[in-house]
C-alpha cells in the first residue's frame, strides 16, 4: 500500500464509522482534524483514532488502552491478530455504547 492508498483507506474507515454510528442511533459526535479522528460520547469520554503515515499504521486509543494496526491480507490487524473493527466495538462498549461494526 502506498501513502495515497493509505489515506484513501483510512478516510473510507472514518466515513464508515460515522455512518455506522449514525445508523445505530449512537449518541456520539465525530470530529476530524488532520490525521486525528475523535469520537466523543454523551458522557464526554473519547476514542481517538490516528493515522500514522510514516508507519502506514492506524492507531486506536480508548479506555481500554492503545492499539496499533497494520494492513495485512485485506484487513487492519494489531500484532495479536485482532481486527480493528472488533477492537473499536469493544472500545465503544467500554465507553458505554454497544455498537456493531460490519
Protein backbone atom coordinates (compact mmCIF):
# COMPACT_ATOMS: atom_id res chain seq x y z
CA UNK A 1 0.00 0.00 0.00
CA UNK A 2 1.40 3.39 -0.93
CA UNK A 3 0.77 6.62 1.00
CA UNK A 4 -2.11 7.76 -1.22
CA UNK A 5 -3.86 4.38 -0.86
CA UNK A 6 -3.26 4.51 2.90
CA UNK A 7 -5.01 7.88 3.23
CA UNK A 8 -7.87 6.79 0.98
CA UNK A 9 -8.34 3.60 3.01
CA UNK A 10 -8.35 5.45 6.33
CA UNK A 11 -10.77 8.09 5.02
CA UNK A 12 -13.14 5.27 4.00
CA UNK A 13 -12.85 3.79 7.50
CA UNK A 14 -13.65 7.14 9.10
CA UNK A 15 -16.64 7.61 6.77
CA UNK A 16 -17.85 4.12 7.67
CA UNK A 17 -17.51 4.76 11.42
CA UNK A 18 -19.60 7.92 11.18
CA UNK A 19 -22.23 6.20 9.05
CA UNK A 20 -22.49 3.14 11.29
CA UNK A 21 -22.73 5.19 14.49
CA UNK A 22 -25.48 7.31 12.93
CA UNK A 23 -27.36 4.28 11.56
CA UNK A 24 -27.37 2.68 15.02
CA UNK A 25 -28.54 5.89 16.73
CA UNK A 26 -25.42 6.08 18.89
CA UNK A 27 -25.21 9.36 20.80
CA UNK A 28 -21.70 10.36 19.76
CA UNK A 29 -20.02 13.19 17.87
CA UNK A 30 -17.28 12.53 15.35
CA UNK A 31 -14.62 15.09 14.52
CA UNK A 32 -11.74 15.04 12.03
CA UNK A 33 -8.68 17.21 12.50
CA UNK A 34 -5.81 16.40 10.17
CA UNK A 35 -4.59 12.89 10.99
CA UNK A 36 -6.86 12.53 14.04
CA UNK A 37 -10.44 11.25 14.22
CA UNK A 38 -12.20 11.65 17.58
CA UNK A 39 -15.43 10.04 18.76
CA UNK A 40 -16.90 11.88 21.75
CA UNK A 41 -19.70 10.14 23.62
CA UNK A 42 -22.58 11.68 25.57
CA UNK A 43 -20.67 11.13 28.84
CA UNK A 44 -17.79 13.21 27.32
CA UNK A 45 -15.38 10.27 27.10
CA UNK A 46 -13.49 9.86 23.86
CA UNK A 47 -11.98 7.36 21.46
CA UNK A 48 -9.15 8.74 19.35
CA UNK A 49 -8.08 7.16 16.06
CA UNK A 50 -4.88 8.38 14.41
CA UNK A 51 -3.31 7.96 11.01
CA UNK A 52 0.38 7.14 11.42
CA UNK A 53 1.58 7.87 7.90
CA UNK A 54 5.31 7.16 8.43
CA UNK A 55 4.46 3.63 9.61
CA UNK A 56 1.33 3.20 7.46
CA UNK A 57 -0.50 2.28 10.67
CA UNK A 58 -3.86 3.06 12.22
CA UNK A 59 -3.79 3.73 15.98
CA UNK A 60 -6.74 3.47 18.37
CA UNK A 61 -6.77 4.94 21.90
CA UNK A 62 -9.62 4.44 24.39
CA UNK A 63 -10.34 3.46 27.98
CA UNK A 64 -9.03 0.02 27.03
CA UNK A 65 -5.59 1.38 26.11
CA UNK A 66 -3.75 1.99 22.88
CA UNK A 67 -3.61 -0.33 19.88
CA UNK A 68 -1.63 -0.18 16.64
CA UNK A 69 -2.99 -1.75 13.44
CA UNK A 70 -1.22 -2.62 10.19
CA UNK A 71 -2.90 -3.51 6.91
CA UNK A 72 -2.42 -7.23 6.28
CA UNK A 73 -4.29 -9.60 4.00
CA UNK A 74 -7.03 -7.06 3.31
CA UNK A 75 -7.72 -6.16 6.95
CA UNK A 76 -6.39 -3.88 9.68
CA UNK A 77 -4.86 -6.11 12.37
CA UNK A 78 -2.84 -5.49 15.52
CA UNK A 79 0.22 -7.52 16.49
CA UNK A 80 -2.04 -10.08 18.23
CA UNK A 81 -4.11 -10.54 15.06
CA UNK A 82 -7.16 -8.69 16.41
CA UNK A 83 -9.23 -6.79 13.86
CA UNK A 84 -9.57 -3.01 14.11
CA UNK A 85 -13.37 -3.21 13.85
CA UNK A 86 -13.61 -5.70 16.75
CA UNK A 87 -11.35 -3.57 18.94
CA UNK A 88 -13.36 -0.46 18.07
CA UNK A 89 -16.61 -2.21 19.06
CA UNK A 90 -15.02 -3.26 22.38
CA UNK A 91 -13.79 0.28 22.94
CA UNK A 92 -17.27 1.70 22.30
CA UNK A 93 -18.71 -0.79 24.81
CA UNK A 94 -16.13 0.34 27.38
CA UNK A 95 -17.36 3.90 26.80
CA UNK A 96 -20.99 2.85 27.36
CA UNK A 97 -22.26 2.25 23.81
CA UNK A 98 -22.95 -1.13 22.24
CA UNK A 99 -22.08 -0.84 18.56
CA UNK A 100 -21.83 -3.47 15.85
CA UNK A 101 -19.37 -2.64 13.08
CA UNK A 102 -19.59 -4.52 9.80
